[in-house]
Amino acid sequence: MEKPSSSSNPMDSASKIADRKRPPEPAVKSRREAESGHSSKKPKPSSSHKSRESNSSSSSSSKVKASHILIKHEGSRRKASWKDPEGLVISATTRAAAAEQLVKIKEEIDSGKIRFDEAAKQHSDCSSAKRGGDLGRFGKGQMQKPFEEAAFALKIGEMSDIVGTDSGVHIILRTG
């Protein structure tokens, strides 16, 4: 078997030689950067983090903080949860039954019988349940579209009606 040549194009080897002969450009740092050891230049965002990067540099209104309660059902994209690891209950729950369960939970919250965070801890199928449903701050493009639209439309302290996503049905409380 014949070994392939390293380069059949003379321009390839010429550019490699030129690159080897070129001295590296000196790194120029400001006095502050040199003293702190940090660069003031921001790294270029990768394409997979583009929306997250663009949101972090814009005004604080481009992000919201919210908590939610998720009830999964037979149509949910992932039919397991911390409460139902095998997905047996979830697979047997219709969307209508999940929505009905959320309506009852919302009524209990509205009447003051239970706080939102406590209801999330007891009923939510999301792993955020252990944090009272708290999802933290998020920007546009980070959540499923119906969830994002509902969360951004709420005023701080306001609770949504039922919102359906591929994950299940939710009620959302905007907290910031």
N, C-alpha and C. Protein backbone atom coordinates (compact mmCIF):
# COMPACT_ATOMS: atom_id res chain seq x y z
N MET A 1 0.83 -1.17 0.00
CA MET A 1 0.00 0.00 0.00
C MET A 1 0.88 1.24 0.00
N GLU A 2 0.55 2.20 -0.80
CA GLU A 2 1.34 3.41 -0.96
C GLU A 2 0.90 4.46 0.05
N LYS A 3 1.86 5.16 0.69
CA LYS A 3 1.55 6.21 1.66
C LYS A 3 1.11 7.46 0.91
N PRO A 4 0.06 8.11 1.35
CA PRO A 4 -0.36 9.36 0.70
C PRO A 4 0.66 10.44 1.01
N SER A 5 0.90 11.29 0.04
CA SER A 5 1.85 12.38 0.26
C SER A 5 1.25 13.38 1.24
N SER A 6 2.11 14.07 1.97
CA SER A 6 1.63 14.98 3.01
C SER A 6 0.91 16.17 2.42
N SER A 7 1.31 16.63 1.22
CA SER A 7 0.60 17.72 0.58
C SER A 7 0.95 17.74 -0.89
N SER A 8 -0.05 17.70 -1.70
CA SER A 8 0.20 17.76 -3.13
C SER A 8 0.09 19.18 -3.65
N ASN A 9 -0.43 20.10 -2.83
CA ASN A 9 -0.59 21.49 -3.23
C ASN A 9 0.59 22.30 -2.69
N PRO A 10 1.42 22.91 -3.58
CA PRO A 10 2.58 23.67 -3.12
C PRO A 10 2.19 24.86 -2.24
N MET A 11 0.99 25.41 -2.42
CA MET A 11 0.56 26.56 -1.61
C MET A 11 0.37 26.15 -0.14
N ASP A 12 -0.07 24.89 0.10
CA ASP A 12 -0.26 24.42 1.47
C ASP A 12 1.06 24.43 2.22
N SER A 13 2.12 23.88 1.62
CA SER A 13 3.40 23.84 2.31
C SER A 13 4.00 25.23 2.43
N ALA A 14 3.76 26.11 1.48
CA ALA A 14 4.29 27.47 1.57
C ALA A 14 3.66 28.22 2.73
N SER A 15 2.35 28.06 2.93
CA SER A 15 1.70 28.76 4.03
C SER A 15 2.13 28.18 5.38
N LYS A 16 2.40 26.86 5.44
CA LYS A 16 2.88 26.27 6.69
C LYS A 16 4.25 26.81 7.05
N ILE A 17 5.12 26.96 6.07
CA ILE A 17 6.45 27.50 6.32
C ILE A 17 6.34 28.96 6.76
N ALA A 18 5.48 29.72 6.10
CA ALA A 18 5.31 31.13 6.46
C ALA A 18 4.79 31.25 7.89
N ASP A 19 3.87 30.37 8.27
CA ASP A 19 3.33 30.41 9.63
C ASP A 19 4.40 30.11 10.66
N ARG A 20 5.32 29.18 10.34
CA ARG A 20 6.38 28.83 11.28
C ARG A 20 7.37 29.97 11.47
N LYS A 21 7.59 30.74 10.43
CA LYS A 21 8.57 31.83 10.49
C LYS A 21 8.01 33.07 11.17
N ARG A 22 6.69 33.23 11.20
CA ARG A 22 6.07 34.42 11.76
C ARG A 22 6.14 34.36 13.29
N PRO A 23 6.72 35.37 13.94
CA PRO A 23 6.77 35.35 15.40
C PRO A 23 5.38 35.58 15.97
N PRO A 24 5.13 35.04 17.15
CA PRO A 24 3.81 35.26 17.75
C PRO A 24 3.62 36.72 18.11
N GLU A 25 2.38 37.18 17.97
CA GLU A 25 2.09 38.57 18.31
C GLU A 25 2.09 38.71 19.83
N PRO A 26 2.71 39.78 20.34
CA PRO A 26 2.74 39.95 21.79
C PRO A 26 1.35 40.25 22.33
N ALA A 27 1.05 39.71 23.49
CA ALA A 27 -0.24 39.98 24.13
C ALA A 27 -0.14 41.34 24.81
N VAL A 28 -1.03 42.24 24.49
CA VAL A 28 -1.02 43.57 25.07
C VAL A 28 -2.08 43.61 26.15
N LYS A 29 -1.67 43.94 27.34
CA LYS A 29 -2.61 44.02 28.46
C LYS A 29 -2.55 45.41 29.06
N SER A 30 -3.68 45.84 29.54
CA SER A 30 -3.69 47.11 30.27
C SER A 30 -3.07 46.88 31.64
N ARG A 31 -2.72 47.95 32.32
CA ARG A 31 -2.12 47.80 33.65
C ARG A 31 -3.08 47.08 34.60
N ARG A 32 -4.36 47.42 34.50
CA ARG A 32 -5.37 46.79 35.35
C ARG A 32 -5.44 45.28 35.09
N GLU A 33 -5.41 44.87 33.80
CA GLU A 33 -5.45 43.44 33.45
C GLU A 33 -4.21 42.73 33.98
N ALA A 34 -3.05 43.37 33.83
CA ALA A 34 -1.80 42.76 34.27
C ALA A 34 -1.81 42.55 35.78
N GLU A 35 -2.34 43.54 36.54
CA GLU A 35 -2.37 43.43 37.99
C GLU A 35 -3.38 42.41 38.47
N SER A 36 -4.54 42.36 37.81
CA SER A 36 -5.59 41.45 38.26
C SER A 36 -5.45 40.05 37.69
N GLY A 37 -4.75 39.94 36.55
CA GLY A 37 -4.63 38.64 35.90
C GLY A 37 -5.82 38.31 35.02
N HIS A 38 -6.78 39.23 34.90
CA HIS A 38 -7.97 39.01 34.07
C HIS A 38 -7.94 39.89 32.85
N SER A 39 -8.48 39.38 31.77
CA SER A 39 -8.58 40.16 30.55
C SER A 39 -9.92 40.87 30.52
N SER A 40 -9.94 42.09 29.99
CA SER A 40 -11.21 42.82 29.90
C SER A 40 -11.98 42.45 28.65
N LYS A 41 -11.35 41.71 27.74
CA LYS A 41 -12.04 41.31 26.53
C LYS A 41 -12.96 40.14 26.84
N LYS A 42 -14.20 40.23 26.33
CA LYS A 42 -15.14 39.14 26.51
C LYS A 42 -14.87 38.08 25.47
N PRO A 43 -14.95 36.80 25.84
CA PRO A 43 -14.76 35.75 24.84
C PRO A 43 -15.92 35.78 23.86
N LYS A 44 -15.65 35.40 22.63
CA LYS A 44 -16.71 35.36 21.63
C LYS A 44 -17.67 34.24 22.00
N PRO A 45 -18.97 34.53 21.96
CA PRO A 45 -19.93 33.48 22.31
C PRO A 45 -19.97 32.42 21.22
N SER A 46 -20.11 31.17 21.66
CA SER A 46 -20.27 30.10 20.68
C SER A 46 -21.70 30.16 20.18
N SER A 47 -21.95 29.55 19.06
CA SER A 47 -23.29 29.62 18.46
C SER A 47 -24.34 28.98 19.36
N SER A 48 -23.96 27.97 20.14
CA SER A 48 -24.94 27.32 21.00
C SER A 48 -25.33 28.18 22.19
N HIS A 49 -24.51 29.18 22.54
CA HIS A 49 -24.84 30.05 23.66
C HIS A 49 -25.18 31.46 23.20
N LYS A 50 -25.47 31.62 21.94
CA LYS A 50 -25.69 32.95 21.38
C LYS A 50 -26.83 33.68 22.09
N SER A 51 -27.97 33.03 22.23
CA SER A 51 -29.11 33.72 22.84
C SER A 51 -28.83 34.03 24.30
N ARG A 52 -28.17 33.14 25.01
CA ARG A 52 -27.88 33.37 26.41
C ARG A 52 -26.91 34.54 26.56
N GLU A 53 -25.89 34.59 25.70
CA GLU A 53 -24.92 35.68 25.76
C GLU A 53 -25.57 37.02 25.44
N SER A 54 -26.39 37.05 24.39
CA SER A 54 -26.99 38.32 24.01
C SER A 54 -27.94 38.81 25.08
N ASN A 55 -28.60 37.90 25.78
CA ASN A 55 -29.50 38.31 26.84
C ASN A 55 -28.76 38.80 28.06
N SER A 56 -27.59 38.24 28.35
CA SER A 56 -26.89 38.65 29.55
C SER A 56 -26.30 40.04 29.41
N SER A 57 -26.10 40.50 28.18
CA SER A 57 -25.52 41.82 28.01
C SER A 57 -26.57 42.91 27.84
N SER A 58 -27.83 42.53 27.71
CA SER A 58 -28.86 43.55 27.55
C SER A 58 -29.45 43.91 28.90
N SER A 59 -30.42 44.77 28.89
CA SER A 59 -30.99 45.29 30.13
C SER A 59 -31.63 44.19 30.95
N SER A 60 -31.85 44.46 32.23
CA SER A 60 -32.40 43.46 33.13
C SER A 60 -33.81 43.05 32.74
N SER A 61 -34.54 43.87 31.99
CA SER A 61 -35.89 43.51 31.58
C SER A 61 -35.90 42.40 30.54
N SER A 62 -34.74 42.02 30.03
CA SER A 62 -34.69 40.93 29.05
C SER A 62 -34.68 39.57 29.74
N LYS A 63 -34.68 39.58 31.06
CA LYS A 63 -34.76 38.33 31.83
C LYS A 63 -35.86 38.45 32.85
N VAL A 64 -36.44 37.32 33.17
CA VAL A 64 -37.44 37.25 34.22
C VAL A 64 -37.03 36.18 35.22
N LYS A 65 -37.63 36.23 36.38
CA LYS A 65 -37.43 35.19 37.38
C LYS A 65 -38.81 34.60 37.64
N ALA A 66 -38.89 33.29 37.64
CA ALA A 66 -40.20 32.67 37.81
C ALA A 66 -40.09 31.33 38.53
N SER A 67 -41.21 30.94 39.10
CA SER A 67 -41.39 29.62 39.69
C SER A 67 -42.54 28.98 38.96
N HIS A 68 -42.61 27.66 39.00
CA HIS A 68 -43.73 27.00 38.33
C HIS A 68 -44.08 25.69 39.02
N ILE A 69 -45.25 25.21 38.68
CA ILE A 69 -45.69 23.88 39.08
C ILE A 69 -46.01 23.16 37.78
N LEU A 70 -45.37 22.02 37.57
CA LEU A 70 -45.55 21.22 36.37
C LEU A 70 -46.27 19.93 36.72
N ILE A 71 -47.30 19.64 35.96
CA ILE A 71 -47.96 18.34 36.06
C ILE A 71 -47.80 17.67 34.69
N LYS A 72 -47.12 16.53 34.70
CA LYS A 72 -46.91 15.79 33.45
C LYS A 72 -48.12 14.92 33.17
N HIS A 73 -48.25 14.52 31.91
CA HIS A 73 -49.37 13.68 31.50
C HIS A 73 -48.92 12.75 30.37
N GLU A 74 -49.84 11.94 29.87
CA GLU A 74 -49.50 10.94 28.86
C GLU A 74 -48.88 11.53 27.59
N GLY A 75 -49.13 12.78 27.31
CA GLY A 75 -48.57 13.43 26.12
C GLY A 75 -47.26 14.15 26.37
N SER A 76 -46.76 14.13 27.61
CA SER A 76 -45.50 14.80 27.93
C SER A 76 -44.34 14.11 27.24
N ARG A 77 -43.36 14.90 26.85
CA ARG A 77 -42.22 14.34 26.11
C ARG A 77 -41.38 13.39 26.96
N ARG A 78 -41.33 13.61 28.23
CA ARG A 78 -40.59 12.72 29.14
C ARG A 78 -41.56 12.27 30.22
N LYS A 79 -41.82 11.00 30.27
CA LYS A 79 -42.88 10.50 31.14
C LYS A 79 -42.36 9.97 32.48
N ALA A 80 -41.36 10.59 33.00
CA ALA A 80 -40.86 10.22 34.33
C ALA A 80 -40.59 11.51 35.09
N SER A 81 -40.60 11.41 36.40
CA SER A 81 -40.29 12.57 37.24
C SER A 81 -39.71 12.07 38.54
N TRP A 82 -39.29 13.00 39.37
CA TRP A 82 -38.75 12.62 40.68
C TRP A 82 -39.82 11.93 41.52
N LYS A 83 -41.10 12.28 41.29
CA LYS A 83 -42.21 11.66 42.02
C LYS A 83 -42.62 10.33 41.43
N ASP A 84 -42.38 10.15 40.15
CA ASP A 84 -42.84 8.96 39.41
C ASP A 84 -41.72 8.49 38.48
N PRO A 85 -40.64 7.93 39.05
CA PRO A 85 -39.47 7.58 38.23
C PRO A 85 -39.76 6.61 37.09
N GLU A 86 -40.74 5.74 37.26
CA GLU A 86 -41.09 4.79 36.20
C GLU A 86 -42.11 5.37 35.22
N GLY A 87 -42.71 6.49 35.57
CA GLY A 87 -43.69 7.13 34.71
C GLY A 87 -45.03 6.42 34.64
N LEU A 88 -45.31 5.58 35.61
CA LEU A 88 -46.56 4.80 35.58
C LEU A 88 -47.79 5.70 35.77
N VAL A 89 -47.74 6.61 36.74
CA VAL A 89 -48.86 7.51 36.99
C VAL A 89 -48.98 8.51 35.84
N ILE A 90 -47.84 9.07 35.42
CA ILE A 90 -47.83 10.06 34.35
C ILE A 90 -48.42 9.48 33.07
N SER A 91 -48.03 8.28 32.72
CA SER A 91 -48.53 7.64 31.49
C SER A 91 -50.02 7.38 31.53
N ALA A 92 -50.58 7.30 32.72
CA ALA A 92 -52.01 7.04 32.87
C ALA A 92 -52.82 8.32 33.09
N THR A 93 -52.16 9.47 33.09
CA THR A 93 -52.83 10.75 33.34
C THR A 93 -53.09 11.47 32.02
N THR A 94 -54.35 11.81 31.77
CA THR A 94 -54.68 12.56 30.55
C THR A 94 -54.29 14.01 30.75
N ARG A 95 -54.21 14.73 29.65
CA ARG A 95 -53.90 16.16 29.73
C ARG A 95 -55.01 16.88 30.50
N ALA A 96 -56.26 16.49 30.25
CA ALA A 96 -57.40 17.12 30.92
C ALA A 96 -57.33 16.89 32.44
N ALA A 97 -56.95 15.69 32.85
CA ALA A 97 -56.84 15.39 34.29
C ALA A 97 -55.70 16.20 34.92
N ALA A 98 -54.59 16.33 34.20
CA ALA A 98 -53.46 17.12 34.70
C ALA A 98 -53.87 18.59 34.84
N ALA A 99 -54.58 19.10 33.85
CA ALA A 99 -55.04 20.50 33.90
C ALA A 99 -56.03 20.70 35.04
N GLU A 100 -56.92 19.74 35.25
CA GLU A 100 -57.89 19.82 36.34
C GLU A 100 -57.18 19.84 37.70
N GLN A 101 -56.14 19.03 37.83
CA GLN A 101 -55.36 19.01 39.06
C GLN A 101 -54.72 20.38 39.31
N LEU A 102 -54.20 21.00 38.25
CA LEU A 102 -53.60 22.33 38.38
C LEU A 102 -54.63 23.39 38.75
N VAL A 103 -55.82 23.29 38.20
CA VAL A 103 -56.88 24.25 38.54
C VAL A 103 -57.16 24.20 40.04
N LYS A 104 -57.23 23.00 40.59
CA LYS A 104 -57.49 22.84 42.03
C LYS A 104 -56.33 23.40 42.85
N ILE A 105 -55.10 23.15 42.41
CA ILE A 105 -53.93 23.67 43.12
C ILE A 105 -53.94 25.20 43.08
N LYS A 106 -54.24 25.75 41.92
CA LYS A 106 -54.29 27.21 41.76
C LYS A 106 -55.36 27.82 42.67
N GLU A 107 -56.52 27.18 42.77
CA GLU A 107 -57.59 27.66 43.64
C GLU A 107 -57.13 27.66 45.11
N GLU A 108 -56.40 26.63 45.52
CA GLU A 108 -55.89 26.55 46.89
C GLU A 108 -54.88 27.68 47.16
N ILE A 109 -54.05 27.96 46.16
CA ILE A 109 -53.07 29.05 46.30
C ILE A 109 -53.80 30.39 46.38
N ASP A 110 -54.74 30.60 45.46
CA ASP A 110 -55.50 31.86 45.43
C ASP A 110 -56.28 32.10 46.72
N SER A 111 -56.81 31.03 47.33
CA SER A 111 -57.60 31.17 48.55
C SER A 111 -56.73 31.31 49.80
N GLY A 112 -55.41 31.10 49.64
CA GLY A 112 -54.51 31.23 50.78
C GLY A 112 -54.36 29.95 51.59
N LYS A 113 -54.95 28.84 51.14
CA LYS A 113 -54.83 27.58 51.86
C LYS A 113 -53.40 27.04 51.84
N ILE A 114 -52.68 27.37 50.76
CA ILE A 114 -51.30 26.90 50.62
C ILE A 114 -50.50 27.96 49.86
N ARG A 115 -49.24 28.07 50.17
CA ARG A 115 -48.36 28.98 49.45
C ARG A 115 -47.89 28.30 48.16
N PHE A 116 -47.54 29.11 47.17
CA PHE A 116 -47.11 28.58 45.87
C PHE A 116 -45.92 27.63 46.03
N ASP A 117 -44.91 28.04 46.80
CA ASP A 117 -43.71 27.22 46.94
C ASP A 117 -44.02 25.88 47.61
N GLU A 118 -44.93 25.88 48.57
CA GLU A 118 -45.31 24.63 49.23
C GLU A 118 -46.09 23.72 48.27
N ALA A 119 -46.96 24.32 47.46
CA ALA A 119 -47.71 23.54 46.48
C ALA A 119 -46.76 22.92 45.46
N ALA A 120 -45.75 23.67 45.05
CA ALA A 120 -44.77 23.15 44.10
C ALA A 120 -44.02 21.96 44.71
N LYS A 121 -43.61 22.09 45.96
CA LYS A 121 -42.88 21.00 46.62
C LYS A 121 -43.72 19.73 46.70
N GLN A 122 -45.03 19.89 46.90
CA GLN A 122 -45.91 18.74 47.04
C GLN A 122 -46.36 18.14 45.71
N HIS A 123 -46.59 18.99 44.71
CA HIS A 123 -47.28 18.52 43.51
C HIS A 123 -46.48 18.53 42.21
N SER A 124 -45.45 19.36 42.09
CA SER A 124 -44.78 19.53 40.80
C SER A 124 -43.97 18.30 40.40
N ASP A 125 -44.04 17.97 39.13
CA ASP A 125 -43.25 16.87 38.57
C ASP A 125 -41.86 17.33 38.15
N CYS A 126 -41.58 18.62 38.25
CA CYS A 126 -40.28 19.16 37.85
C CYS A 126 -39.28 19.02 39.02
N SER A 127 -38.03 18.84 38.69
CA SER A 127 -37.01 18.75 39.74
C SER A 127 -36.86 20.06 40.51
N SER A 128 -37.39 21.16 39.96
CA SER A 128 -37.36 22.45 40.68
C SER A 128 -38.29 22.42 41.89
N ALA A 129 -39.08 21.38 42.04
CA ALA A 129 -40.00 21.27 43.18
C ALA A 129 -39.26 21.39 44.50
N LYS A 130 -38.06 20.83 44.58
CA LYS A 130 -37.30 20.90 45.84
C LYS A 130 -36.90 22.33 46.19
N ARG A 131 -36.98 23.25 45.20
CA ARG A 131 -36.70 24.67 45.44
C ARG A 131 -38.00 25.48 45.43
N GLY A 132 -39.10 24.82 45.67
CA GLY A 132 -40.39 25.50 45.66
C GLY A 132 -40.82 25.91 44.27
N GLY A 133 -40.29 25.23 43.25
CA GLY A 133 -40.63 25.53 41.85
C GLY A 133 -39.77 26.61 41.23
N ASP A 134 -38.82 27.16 42.00
CA ASP A 134 -37.99 28.27 41.53
C ASP A 134 -37.09 27.85 40.37
N LEU A 135 -37.25 28.55 39.24
CA LEU A 135 -36.43 28.30 38.05
C LEU A 135 -35.29 29.29 37.93
N GLY A 136 -35.26 30.28 38.80
CA GLY A 136 -34.23 31.32 38.70
C GLY A 136 -34.54 32.28 37.57
N ARG A 137 -33.50 33.03 37.14
CA ARG A 137 -33.66 34.00 36.06
C ARG A 137 -33.41 33.33 34.73
N PHE A 138 -34.19 33.70 33.73
CA PHE A 138 -33.96 33.19 32.39
C PHE A 138 -34.36 34.23 31.37
N GLY A 139 -33.76 34.13 30.20
CA GLY A 139 -34.03 35.07 29.12
C GLY A 139 -34.82 34.40 28.01
N LYS A 140 -35.11 35.19 27.02
CA LYS A 140 -35.85 34.67 25.87
C LYS A 140 -34.99 33.64 25.14
N GLY A 141 -35.64 32.59 24.67
CA GLY A 141 -34.94 31.53 23.96
C GLY A 141 -34.43 30.42 24.87
N GLN A 142 -34.65 30.52 26.17
CA GLN A 142 -34.15 29.51 27.09
C GLN A 142 -35.22 28.52 27.55
N MET A 143 -36.47 28.87 27.36
CA MET A 143 -37.58 28.00 27.75
C MET A 143 -38.42 27.69 26.51
N GLN A 144 -39.29 26.71 26.63
CA GLN A 144 -40.20 26.41 25.53
C GLN A 144 -41.07 27.65 25.29
N LYS A 145 -41.38 27.90 24.03
CA LYS A 145 -42.04 29.14 23.61
C LYS A 145 -43.30 29.48 24.40
N PRO A 146 -44.26 28.56 24.57
CA PRO A 146 -45.48 28.93 25.32
C PRO A 146 -45.17 29.33 26.77
N PHE A 147 -44.20 28.66 27.37
CA PHE A 147 -43.80 28.97 28.74
C PHE A 147 -43.15 30.35 28.80
N GLU A 148 -42.24 30.59 27.88
CA GLU A 148 -41.56 31.88 27.80
C GLU A 148 -42.55 33.03 27.61
N GLU A 149 -43.46 32.88 26.66
CA GLU A 149 -44.44 33.94 26.38
C GLU A 149 -45.29 34.23 27.60
N ALA A 150 -45.72 33.19 28.30
CA ALA A 150 -46.55 33.39 29.49
C ALA A 150 -45.76 34.06 30.60
N ALA A 151 -44.53 33.61 30.84
CA ALA A 151 -43.72 34.18 31.92
C ALA A 151 -43.40 35.65 31.67
N PHE A 152 -43.07 35.99 30.43
CA PHE A 152 -42.73 37.38 30.12
C PHE A 152 -43.96 38.29 30.12
N ALA A 153 -45.15 37.72 29.92
CA ALA A 153 -46.38 38.52 29.91
C ALA A 153 -46.88 38.83 31.32
N LEU A 154 -46.44 38.07 32.31
CA LEU A 154 -46.88 38.27 33.69
C LEU A 154 -46.20 39.47 34.33
N LYS A 155 -46.89 40.08 35.28
CA LYS A 155 -46.29 41.11 36.13
C LYS A 155 -45.69 40.39 37.34
N ILE A 156 -44.74 41.01 37.98
CA ILE A 156 -44.14 40.41 39.17
C ILE A 156 -45.22 40.17 40.22
N GLY A 157 -45.27 38.94 40.74
CA GLY A 157 -46.28 38.56 41.73
C GLY A 157 -47.53 37.98 41.12
N GLU A 158 -47.64 38.01 39.80
CA GLU A 158 -48.82 37.51 39.11
C GLU A 158 -48.64 36.04 38.74
N MET A 159 -49.73 35.27 38.81
CA MET A 159 -49.73 33.85 38.47
C MET A 159 -50.49 33.63 37.17
N SER A 160 -49.96 32.75 36.34
CA SER A 160 -50.58 32.48 35.04
C SER A 160 -51.78 31.56 35.18
N ASP A 161 -52.53 31.49 34.10
CA ASP A 161 -53.51 30.42 33.95
C ASP A 161 -52.70 29.20 33.54
N ILE A 162 -53.35 28.14 33.16
CA ILE A 162 -52.65 26.92 32.76
C ILE A 162 -51.95 27.14 31.42
N VAL A 163 -50.69 26.72 31.38
CA VAL A 163 -49.87 26.85 30.18
C VAL A 163 -49.42 25.45 29.77
N GLY A 164 -49.70 25.10 28.53
CA GLY A 164 -49.29 23.78 28.03
C GLY A 164 -48.01 23.86 27.24
N THR A 165 -47.09 22.91 27.49
CA THR A 165 -45.86 22.78 26.72
C THR A 165 -45.65 21.30 26.42
N ASP A 166 -44.56 20.99 25.75
CA ASP A 166 -44.22 19.59 25.49
C ASP A 166 -43.89 18.84 26.77
N SER A 167 -43.59 19.56 27.84
CA SER A 167 -43.24 18.92 29.11
C SER A 167 -44.48 18.54 29.91
N GLY A 168 -45.57 19.26 29.72
CA GLY A 168 -46.79 19.01 30.47
C GLY A 168 -47.56 20.31 30.61
N VAL A 169 -48.33 20.43 31.69
CA VAL A 169 -49.08 21.65 31.94
C VAL A 169 -48.50 22.33 33.19
N HIS A 170 -48.49 23.66 33.16
CA HIS A 170 -47.84 24.43 34.21
C HIS A 170 -48.76 25.55 34.70
N ILE A 171 -48.51 26.00 35.92
CA ILE A 171 -48.91 27.34 36.34
C ILE A 171 -47.58 28.01 36.70
N ILE A 172 -47.48 29.27 36.34
CA ILE A 172 -46.24 30.01 36.49
C ILE A 172 -46.48 31.23 37.38
N LEU A 173 -45.56 31.46 38.30
CA LEU A 173 -45.59 32.62 39.16
C LEU A 173 -44.34 33.44 38.84
N ARG A 174 -44.56 34.67 38.35
CA ARG A 174 -43.40 35.53 38.08
C ARG A 174 -42.95 36.14 39.39
N THR A 175 -41.68 35.97 39.69
CA THR A 175 -41.14 36.44 40.97
C THR A 175 -40.13 37.55 40.81
N GLY A 176 -39.75 37.86 39.59
CA GLY A 176 -38.76 38.93 39.38
C GLY A 176 -38.59 39.24 37.92
